[in-house]
Amino acid sequence: MTQMNTTYKNTVLNDFSGNSGLLKAYTQWQHYFHRSFFMTAGIHGQYYVLNSDYSVEPRLGFKWNLTDVSSISLALGLYSQLQPRRAYFYKDAGELKNKSLKKTKSWKR
């Protein structure tokens, strides 16, 4: 449980209290085209219990081992991030104003 309150002259301005959860799952698979060149593919999933926001994030990477000490890699994936918890639990007139706030998503390489 998180609880952060801001008060001014005995009046609660913000109430950041509440509970939630984040469920995650991940799977990956590797395929060797040759002993020095392979691909890794995966899926990462998240489900935020507070607002039922979910994301399915594909990941893909390639690696080529040139020698025993050098290699070239290339990867791409979609990544999601929750906003700061206090943003979701911001209340005004007893109502969670940002409960439906979605995760921030970006493609990374």
N, C-alpha and C. Protein backbone atom coordinates (compact mmCIF):
# COMPACT_ATOMS: atom_id res chain seq x y z
N MET A 1 0.84 -1.18 0.00
CA MET A 1 0.00 0.00 0.00
C MET A 1 0.88 1.24 0.00
N THR A 2 0.55 2.17 -0.83
CA THR A 2 1.28 3.43 -0.91
C THR A 2 0.39 4.52 -0.36
N GLN A 3 0.97 5.39 0.45
CA GLN A 3 0.18 6.49 0.98
C GLN A 3 1.05 7.72 1.06
N MET A 4 0.66 8.77 0.33
CA MET A 4 1.35 10.06 0.36
C MET A 4 0.28 11.14 0.35
N ASN A 5 0.21 11.93 1.38
CA ASN A 5 -0.79 12.98 1.46
C ASN A 5 -0.13 14.34 1.51
N THR A 6 -0.72 15.33 0.86
CA THR A 6 -0.28 16.71 0.93
C THR A 6 -1.39 17.51 1.60
N THR A 7 -1.06 18.17 2.69
CA THR A 7 -2.08 18.94 3.41
C THR A 7 -1.65 20.39 3.53
N TYR A 8 -2.63 21.27 3.59
CA TYR A 8 -2.40 22.69 3.79
C TYR A 8 -3.52 23.22 4.66
N LYS A 9 -3.17 23.74 5.83
CA LYS A 9 -4.16 24.28 6.78
C LYS A 9 -5.29 23.29 7.04
N ASN A 10 -4.91 22.03 7.37
CA ASN A 10 -5.84 20.95 7.71
C ASN A 10 -6.77 20.55 6.56
N THR A 11 -6.42 20.87 5.34
CA THR A 11 -7.19 20.46 4.17
C THR A 11 -6.32 19.55 3.31
N VAL A 12 -6.81 18.36 2.96
CA VAL A 12 -6.06 17.44 2.12
C VAL A 12 -6.14 17.93 0.68
N LEU A 13 -4.98 18.26 0.09
CA LEU A 13 -4.94 18.71 -1.29
C LEU A 13 -4.81 17.54 -2.26
N ASN A 14 -3.99 16.57 -1.90
CA ASN A 14 -3.78 15.39 -2.73
C ASN A 14 -3.75 14.16 -1.84
N ASP A 15 -4.35 13.09 -2.29
CA ASP A 15 -4.34 11.82 -1.56
C ASP A 15 -3.86 10.74 -2.51
N PHE A 16 -2.64 10.25 -2.28
CA PHE A 16 -2.04 9.25 -3.15
C PHE A 16 -2.02 7.91 -2.45
N SER A 17 -3.15 7.39 -2.08
CA SER A 17 -3.19 6.10 -1.40
C SER A 17 -3.97 5.09 -2.24
N GLY A 18 -3.55 3.83 -2.18
CA GLY A 18 -4.26 2.79 -2.91
C GLY A 18 -3.37 1.59 -3.16
N ASN A 19 -3.94 0.57 -3.76
CA ASN A 19 -3.23 -0.67 -4.07
C ASN A 19 -3.41 -1.03 -5.54
N SER A 20 -2.43 -1.74 -6.06
CA SER A 20 -2.54 -2.26 -7.41
C SER A 20 -1.48 -3.32 -7.59
N GLY A 21 -1.33 -3.82 -8.82
CA GLY A 21 -0.32 -4.83 -9.11
C GLY A 21 0.03 -4.81 -10.58
N LEU A 22 1.22 -5.32 -10.88
CA LEU A 22 1.69 -5.41 -12.25
C LEU A 22 2.12 -6.85 -12.49
N LEU A 23 1.48 -7.51 -13.45
CA LEU A 23 1.81 -8.89 -13.80
C LEU A 23 2.64 -8.89 -15.07
N LYS A 24 3.70 -9.71 -15.09
CA LYS A 24 4.58 -9.78 -16.25
C LYS A 24 4.83 -11.23 -16.65
N ALA A 25 5.02 -11.44 -17.94
CA ALA A 25 5.38 -12.76 -18.46
C ALA A 25 6.31 -12.55 -19.65
N TYR A 26 7.22 -13.51 -19.86
CA TYR A 26 8.18 -13.39 -20.94
C TYR A 26 8.53 -14.78 -21.48
N THR A 27 8.70 -14.87 -22.78
CA THR A 27 9.18 -16.09 -23.39
C THR A 27 10.13 -15.71 -24.52
N GLN A 28 11.13 -16.56 -24.76
CA GLN A 28 12.04 -16.30 -25.86
C GLN A 28 12.48 -17.61 -26.51
N TRP A 29 12.99 -17.48 -27.72
CA TRP A 29 13.40 -18.63 -28.49
C TRP A 29 14.66 -18.23 -29.27
N GLN A 30 15.62 -19.14 -29.36
CA GLN A 30 16.82 -18.90 -30.13
C GLN A 30 16.91 -19.89 -31.28
N HIS A 31 17.33 -19.37 -32.42
CA HIS A 31 17.53 -20.22 -33.59
C HIS A 31 18.94 -19.96 -34.14
N TYR A 32 19.71 -21.03 -34.27
CA TYR A 32 21.06 -20.94 -34.83
C TYR A 32 21.02 -21.24 -36.32
N PHE A 33 21.37 -20.24 -37.14
CA PHE A 33 21.48 -20.44 -38.58
C PHE A 33 22.82 -21.12 -38.89
N HIS A 34 23.78 -20.80 -38.07
CA HIS A 34 25.13 -21.33 -38.16
C HIS A 34 25.70 -21.22 -36.75
N ARG A 35 26.77 -21.93 -36.44
CA ARG A 35 27.28 -21.88 -35.06
C ARG A 35 27.75 -20.49 -34.65
N SER A 36 28.00 -19.60 -35.63
CA SER A 36 28.44 -18.25 -35.29
C SER A 36 27.37 -17.18 -35.56
N PHE A 37 26.20 -17.58 -36.08
CA PHE A 37 25.15 -16.60 -36.39
C PHE A 37 23.81 -17.13 -35.89
N PHE A 38 23.16 -16.34 -34.99
CA PHE A 38 21.88 -16.80 -34.45
C PHE A 38 20.92 -15.64 -34.23
N MET A 39 19.68 -16.00 -34.06
CA MET A 39 18.59 -15.05 -33.83
C MET A 39 17.92 -15.38 -32.51
N THR A 40 17.54 -14.35 -31.77
CA THR A 40 16.75 -14.51 -30.56
C THR A 40 15.46 -13.72 -30.75
N ALA A 41 14.32 -14.39 -30.60
CA ALA A 41 13.01 -13.74 -30.72
C ALA A 41 12.27 -13.94 -29.39
N GLY A 42 11.48 -12.96 -29.01
CA GLY A 42 10.77 -13.08 -27.75
C GLY A 42 9.53 -12.20 -27.69
N ILE A 43 8.72 -12.49 -26.71
CA ILE A 43 7.51 -11.70 -26.42
C ILE A 43 7.50 -11.41 -24.92
N HIS A 44 7.28 -10.15 -24.58
CA HIS A 44 7.15 -9.73 -23.18
C HIS A 44 5.76 -9.15 -23.02
N GLY A 45 5.06 -9.56 -21.98
CA GLY A 45 3.71 -9.05 -21.73
C GLY A 45 3.59 -8.45 -20.35
N GLN A 46 2.78 -7.40 -20.23
CA GLN A 46 2.51 -6.76 -18.95
C GLN A 46 1.02 -6.51 -18.82
N TYR A 47 0.53 -6.62 -17.58
CA TYR A 47 -0.88 -6.33 -17.29
C TYR A 47 -0.91 -5.53 -15.99
N TYR A 48 -1.42 -4.30 -16.06
CA TYR A 48 -1.54 -3.44 -14.88
C TYR A 48 -2.95 -3.60 -14.32
N VAL A 49 -3.03 -4.13 -13.11
CA VAL A 49 -4.30 -4.51 -12.51
C VAL A 49 -5.21 -3.31 -12.25
N LEU A 50 -4.65 -2.17 -11.89
CA LEU A 50 -5.45 -1.00 -11.52
C LEU A 50 -6.43 -0.60 -12.61
N ASN A 51 -5.96 -0.53 -13.86
CA ASN A 51 -6.83 -0.05 -14.94
C ASN A 51 -6.96 -1.05 -16.10
N SER A 52 -6.54 -2.28 -15.89
CA SER A 52 -6.63 -3.35 -16.90
C SER A 52 -5.86 -3.01 -18.17
N ASP A 53 -4.83 -2.18 -18.07
CA ASP A 53 -4.00 -1.83 -19.23
C ASP A 53 -2.99 -2.96 -19.46
N TYR A 54 -2.94 -3.46 -20.68
CA TYR A 54 -1.99 -4.52 -20.99
C TYR A 54 -1.17 -4.14 -22.21
N SER A 55 -0.01 -4.76 -22.32
CA SER A 55 0.83 -4.55 -23.50
C SER A 55 1.50 -5.86 -23.87
N VAL A 56 1.63 -6.08 -25.16
CA VAL A 56 2.34 -7.23 -25.72
C VAL A 56 3.50 -6.63 -26.51
N GLU A 57 4.73 -6.99 -26.12
CA GLU A 57 5.91 -6.33 -26.66
C GLU A 57 6.81 -7.34 -27.38
N PRO A 58 6.89 -7.28 -28.69
CA PRO A 58 7.78 -8.19 -29.43
C PRO A 58 9.23 -7.74 -29.32
N ARG A 59 10.15 -8.71 -29.34
CA ARG A 59 11.59 -8.43 -29.30
C ARG A 59 12.27 -9.33 -30.34
N LEU A 60 13.30 -8.81 -31.00
CA LEU A 60 14.01 -9.58 -32.00
C LEU A 60 15.47 -9.13 -32.02
N GLY A 61 16.39 -10.08 -32.03
CA GLY A 61 17.80 -9.75 -32.07
C GLY A 61 18.59 -10.75 -32.90
N PHE A 62 19.66 -10.27 -33.51
CA PHE A 62 20.57 -11.11 -34.30
C PHE A 62 21.99 -10.89 -33.78
N LYS A 63 22.79 -11.96 -33.76
CA LYS A 63 24.18 -11.84 -33.33
C LYS A 63 25.05 -12.70 -34.24
N TRP A 64 26.15 -12.08 -34.67
CA TRP A 64 27.12 -12.76 -35.51
C TRP A 64 28.46 -12.71 -34.80
N ASN A 65 28.95 -13.86 -34.37
CA ASN A 65 30.26 -13.95 -33.71
C ASN A 65 31.33 -14.02 -34.79
N LEU A 66 32.09 -12.94 -34.93
CA LEU A 66 33.13 -12.86 -35.95
C LEU A 66 34.35 -13.70 -35.56
N THR A 67 34.76 -13.56 -34.30
CA THR A 67 35.87 -14.35 -33.74
C THR A 67 35.48 -14.72 -32.32
N ASP A 68 36.41 -15.30 -31.58
CA ASP A 68 36.13 -15.65 -30.18
C ASP A 68 35.96 -14.42 -29.30
N VAL A 69 36.48 -13.28 -29.70
CA VAL A 69 36.43 -12.08 -28.87
C VAL A 69 35.68 -10.90 -29.51
N SER A 70 35.11 -11.08 -30.69
CA SER A 70 34.38 -9.97 -31.33
C SER A 70 33.09 -10.48 -31.98
N SER A 71 32.09 -9.60 -31.97
CA SER A 71 30.79 -9.95 -32.55
C SER A 71 30.07 -8.69 -32.98
N ILE A 72 29.06 -8.88 -33.81
CA ILE A 72 28.17 -7.80 -34.25
C ILE A 72 26.75 -8.20 -33.85
N SER A 73 26.02 -7.25 -33.24
CA SER A 73 24.65 -7.53 -32.80
C SER A 73 23.71 -6.46 -33.31
N LEU A 74 22.48 -6.85 -33.54
CA LEU A 74 21.42 -5.94 -33.94
C LEU A 74 20.14 -6.40 -33.25
N ALA A 75 19.46 -5.48 -32.59
CA ALA A 75 18.24 -5.86 -31.86
C ALA A 75 17.21 -4.75 -31.96
N LEU A 76 15.94 -5.14 -31.84
CA LEU A 76 14.81 -4.21 -31.88
C LEU A 76 13.72 -4.76 -30.98
N GLY A 77 13.06 -3.87 -30.25
CA GLY A 77 11.98 -4.32 -29.38
C GLY A 77 11.07 -3.18 -28.97
N LEU A 78 9.85 -3.52 -28.63
CA LEU A 78 8.89 -2.56 -28.10
C LEU A 78 8.93 -2.66 -26.57
N TYR A 79 9.04 -1.53 -25.89
CA TYR A 79 9.13 -1.50 -24.44
C TYR A 79 8.06 -0.57 -23.88
N SER A 80 7.44 -0.97 -22.75
CA SER A 80 6.42 -0.18 -22.08
C SER A 80 6.88 0.17 -20.68
N GLN A 81 6.42 1.33 -20.20
CA GLN A 81 6.78 1.77 -18.86
C GLN A 81 5.58 2.42 -18.19
N LEU A 82 5.33 2.05 -16.95
CA LEU A 82 4.28 2.71 -16.18
C LEU A 82 4.71 4.11 -15.82
N GLN A 83 3.74 4.98 -15.62
CA GLN A 83 4.02 6.32 -15.12
C GLN A 83 4.30 6.22 -13.61
N PRO A 84 4.82 7.27 -12.99
CA PRO A 84 5.02 7.21 -11.54
C PRO A 84 3.70 6.86 -10.84
N ARG A 85 3.79 6.02 -9.85
CA ARG A 85 2.60 5.49 -9.17
C ARG A 85 1.68 6.60 -8.66
N ARG A 86 2.27 7.67 -8.16
CA ARG A 86 1.44 8.74 -7.62
C ARG A 86 0.56 9.39 -8.69
N ALA A 87 0.93 9.31 -9.96
CA ALA A 87 0.10 9.87 -11.03
C ALA A 87 -1.22 9.11 -11.15
N TYR A 88 -1.18 7.78 -11.01
CA TYR A 88 -2.39 6.96 -11.12
C TYR A 88 -3.33 7.17 -9.93
N PHE A 89 -2.75 7.47 -8.76
CA PHE A 89 -3.56 7.58 -7.54
C PHE A 89 -3.91 9.02 -7.17
N TYR A 90 -3.74 9.95 -8.11
CA TYR A 90 -4.13 11.33 -7.86
C TYR A 90 -5.65 11.40 -7.73
N LYS A 91 -6.11 11.97 -6.63
CA LYS A 91 -7.56 12.08 -6.38
C LYS A 91 -7.98 13.53 -6.35
N ASP A 92 -9.16 13.77 -6.88
CA ASP A 92 -9.81 15.07 -6.79
C ASP A 92 -11.27 14.78 -6.51
N ALA A 93 -11.79 15.35 -5.45
CA ALA A 93 -13.18 15.11 -5.02
C ALA A 93 -13.42 13.62 -4.81
N GLY A 94 -12.41 12.90 -4.29
CA GLY A 94 -12.55 11.48 -3.98
C GLY A 94 -12.49 10.55 -5.19
N GLU A 95 -12.20 11.09 -6.37
CA GLU A 95 -12.17 10.28 -7.60
C GLU A 95 -10.74 10.19 -8.13
N LEU A 96 -10.33 9.00 -8.57
CA LEU A 96 -9.02 8.82 -9.20
C LEU A 96 -9.08 9.44 -10.61
N LYS A 97 -8.45 10.58 -10.78
CA LYS A 97 -8.54 11.31 -12.05
C LYS A 97 -7.72 10.69 -13.18
N ASN A 98 -6.61 10.00 -12.84
CA ASN A 98 -5.72 9.45 -13.87
C ASN A 98 -5.72 7.92 -13.90
N LYS A 99 -6.77 7.32 -13.41
CA LYS A 99 -6.81 5.85 -13.32
C LYS A 99 -6.64 5.20 -14.69
N SER A 100 -7.15 5.80 -15.74
CA SER A 100 -7.09 5.19 -17.08
C SER A 100 -5.82 5.56 -17.85
N LEU A 101 -4.84 6.18 -17.19
CA LEU A 101 -3.59 6.55 -17.83
C LEU A 101 -2.88 5.31 -18.37
N LYS A 102 -2.48 5.35 -19.62
CA LYS A 102 -1.82 4.21 -20.28
C LYS A 102 -0.31 4.26 -20.08
N LYS A 103 0.34 3.13 -20.33
CA LYS A 103 1.80 3.08 -20.26
C LYS A 103 2.42 3.86 -21.41
N THR A 104 3.64 4.36 -21.19
CA THR A 104 4.42 4.98 -22.24
C THR A 104 5.12 3.86 -23.00
N LYS A 105 5.08 3.91 -24.33
CA LYS A 105 5.67 2.86 -25.15
C LYS A 105 6.71 3.46 -26.11
N SER A 106 7.77 2.69 -26.36
CA SER A 106 8.79 3.13 -27.32
C SER A 106 9.46 1.94 -27.95
N TRP A 107 9.92 2.14 -29.17
CA TRP A 107 10.71 1.14 -29.87
C TRP A 107 12.17 1.42 -29.57
N LYS A 108 12.91 0.40 -29.13
CA LYS A 108 14.34 0.58 -28.86
C LYS A 108 15.13 -0.33 -29.75
N ARG A 109 16.27 0.14 -30.14
CA ARG A 109 17.17 -0.68 -30.95
C ARG A 109 18.53 -0.70 -30.35
